[in-house]
Amino acid sequence: MVSTHDRLKQTKGKLVSPLKIHSKPTLRKDNLEMGNSNDRLTTLEMTISALTFTVGELVEQLRLINLALGSISTNQQGHSQR
């Protein structure tokens, strides 16, 4: 059985792997004053990672809820057939 942590890592990989960041080099002086592009990319990557983790957690919670609801539904059908 795959652990929840491993499943979240797999989900994160599936969500992030198609993501590509394209940047065009600019020579405008005002853009250079906006901050280091590496810092901005690092911040963006951290935000994406956090959001991906959150989505992974929500997917896992939804899977568990669906399993529980399926189990409850099966139990109720079993009781009503008696």
C-alpha atoms as a PDB file:
ATOM      1  CA  MET A   1       0.000   0.000   0.000  1.00  0.00           C
ATOM      2  CA  VAL A   2       1.287   3.451  -0.901  1.00  0.00           C
ATOM      3  CA  SER A   3       1.651   5.832   2.012  1.00  0.00           C
ATOM      4  CA  THR A   4      -0.163   9.158   2.056  1.00  0.00           C
ATOM      5  CA  HIS A   5       3.164  10.985   1.924  1.00  0.00           C
ATOM      6  CA  ASP A   6       4.225   9.066  -1.196  1.00  0.00           C
ATOM      7  CA  ARG A   7       0.850   9.661  -2.822  1.00  0.00           C
ATOM      8  CA  LEU A   8       1.139  13.409  -2.141  1.00  0.00           C
ATOM      9  CA  LYS A   9       4.628  13.448  -3.674  1.00  0.00           C
ATOM     10  CA  GLN A  10       3.285  11.663  -6.765  1.00  0.00           C
ATOM     11  CA  THR A  11       0.382  14.106  -7.023  1.00  0.00           C
ATOM     12  CA  LYS A  12       2.754  17.042  -6.677  1.00  0.00           C
ATOM     13  CA  GLY A  13       4.962  15.622  -9.413  1.00  0.00           C
ATOM     14  CA  LYS A  14       2.000  15.239 -11.759  1.00  0.00           C
ATOM     15  CA  LEU A  15       0.818  18.789 -11.122  1.00  0.00           C
ATOM     16  CA  VAL A  16       4.176  20.564 -11.236  1.00  0.00           C
ATOM     17  CA  SER A  17       5.993  18.607 -13.966  1.00  0.00           C
ATOM     18  CA  PRO A  18       4.069  20.181 -16.887  1.00  0.00           C
ATOM     19  CA  LEU A  19       4.687  23.643 -15.459  1.00  0.00           C
ATOM     20  CA  LYS A  20       7.377  25.564 -17.229  1.00  0.00           C
ATOM     21  CA  ILE A  21       8.419  29.105 -16.442  1.00  0.00           C
ATOM     22  CA  HIS A  22       9.322  31.135 -19.496  1.00  0.00           C
ATOM     23  CA  SER A  23      10.988  34.458 -19.042  1.00  0.00           C
ATOM     24  CA  LYS A  24      12.155  36.928 -21.620  1.00  0.00           C
ATOM     25  CA  PRO A  25      15.312  38.897 -20.953  1.00  0.00           C
ATOM     26  CA  THR A  26      14.614  42.580 -20.624  1.00  0.00           C
ATOM     27  CA  LEU A  27      16.996  45.431 -20.826  1.00  0.00           C
ATOM     28  CA  ARG A  28      14.666  48.117 -19.522  1.00  0.00           C
ATOM     29  CA  LYS A  29      16.137  49.993 -16.617  1.00  0.00           C
ATOM     30  CA  ASP A  30      12.907  50.153 -14.587  1.00  0.00           C
ATOM     31  CA  ASN A  31      12.553  46.352 -14.687  1.00  0.00           C
ATOM     32  CA  LEU A  32      15.996  45.955 -13.158  1.00  0.00           C
ATOM     33  CA  GLU A  33      14.871  47.981 -10.167  1.00  0.00           C
ATOM     34  CA  MET A  34      11.941  45.652  -9.448  1.00  0.00           C
ATOM     35  CA  GLY A  35      14.178  43.131  -7.697  1.00  0.00           C
ATOM     36  CA  ASN A  36      16.312  40.154  -8.449  1.00  0.00           C
ATOM     37  CA  SER A  37      14.583  37.806 -10.909  1.00  0.00           C
ATOM     38  CA  ASN A  38      16.065  34.779  -9.122  1.00  0.00           C
ATOM     39  CA  ASP A  39      14.421  35.926  -5.877  1.00  0.00           C
ATOM     40  CA  ARG A  40      11.106  36.379  -7.661  1.00  0.00           C
ATOM     41  CA  LEU A  41      11.369  32.919  -9.245  1.00  0.00           C
ATOM     42  CA  THR A  42      12.253  31.383  -5.881  1.00  0.00           C
ATOM     43  CA  THR A  43       9.221  33.060  -4.298  1.00  0.00           C
ATOM     44  CA  LEU A  44       7.028  31.858  -7.155  1.00  0.00           C
ATOM     45  CA  GLU A  45       8.378  28.321  -6.862  1.00  0.00           C
ATOM     46  CA  MET A  46       7.734  28.301  -3.103  1.00  0.00           C
ATOM     47  CA  THR A  47       4.182  29.553  -3.639  1.00  0.00           C
ATOM     48  CA  ILE A  48       3.544  26.904  -6.295  1.00  0.00           C
ATOM     49  CA  SER A  49       4.981  24.211  -4.040  1.00  0.00           C
ATOM     50  CA  ALA A  50       2.784  25.278  -1.121  1.00  0.00           C
ATOM     51  CA  LEU A  51      -0.325  25.406  -3.304  1.00  0.00           C
ATOM     52  CA  THR A  52       0.494  22.031  -4.839  1.00  0.00           C
ATOM     53  CA  PHE A  53       0.883  20.534  -1.377  1.00  0.00           C
ATOM     54  CA  THR A  54      -2.482  22.033  -0.362  1.00  0.00           C
ATOM     55  CA  VAL A  55      -4.142  20.612  -3.487  1.00  0.00           C
ATOM     56  CA  GLY A  56      -2.578  17.228  -2.736  1.00  0.00           C
ATOM     57  CA  GLU A  57      -3.950  17.309   0.801  1.00  0.00           C
ATOM     58  CA  LEU A  58      -7.409  18.261  -0.476  1.00  0.00           C
ATOM     59  CA  VAL A  59      -7.332  15.448  -3.052  1.00  0.00           C
ATOM     60  CA  GLU A  60      -6.381  12.967  -0.330  1.00  0.00           C
ATOM     61  CA  GLN A  61      -9.157  14.223   1.973  1.00  0.00           C
ATOM     62  CA  LEU A  62     -11.670  13.954  -0.865  1.00  0.00           C
ATOM     63  CA  ARG A  63     -10.532  10.393  -1.597  1.00  0.00           C
ATOM     64  CA  LEU A  64     -10.958   9.438   2.067  1.00  0.00           C
ATOM     65  CA  ILE A  65     -14.396  11.076   2.223  1.00  0.00           C
ATOM     66  CA  ASN A  66     -15.487   9.215  -0.911  1.00  0.00           C
ATOM     67  CA  LEU A  67     -14.286   5.934   0.605  1.00  0.00           C
ATOM     68  CA  ALA A  68     -16.181   6.657   3.821  1.00  0.00           C
ATOM     69  CA  LEU A  69     -19.346   7.635   1.944  1.00  0.00           C
ATOM     70  CA  GLY A  70     -19.095   4.496  -0.178  1.00  0.00           C
ATOM     71  CA  SER A  71     -18.745   2.402   2.956  1.00  0.00           C
ATOM     72  CA  ILE A  72     -21.710   4.096   4.622  1.00  0.00           C
ATOM     73  CA  SER A  73     -23.817   3.656   1.487  1.00  0.00           C
ATOM     74  CA  THR A  74     -22.923  -0.040   1.290  1.00  0.00           C
ATOM     75  CA  ASN A  75     -23.767  -0.541   4.968  1.00  0.00           C
ATOM     76  CA  GLN A  76     -27.129   1.226   4.594  1.00  0.00           C
ATOM     77  CA  GLN A  77     -28.035  -0.853   1.566  1.00  0.00           C
ATOM     78  CA  GLY A  78     -27.150  -4.011   3.503  1.00  0.00           C
ATOM     79  CA  HIS A  79     -29.428  -3.015   6.391  1.00  0.00           C
ATOM     80  CA  SER A  80     -32.340  -2.067   4.136  1.00  0.00           C
ATOM     81  CA  GLN A  81     -32.274  -5.437   2.330  1.00  0.00           C
ATOM     82  CA  ARG A  82     -32.842  -7.387   5.550  1.00  0.00           C
END
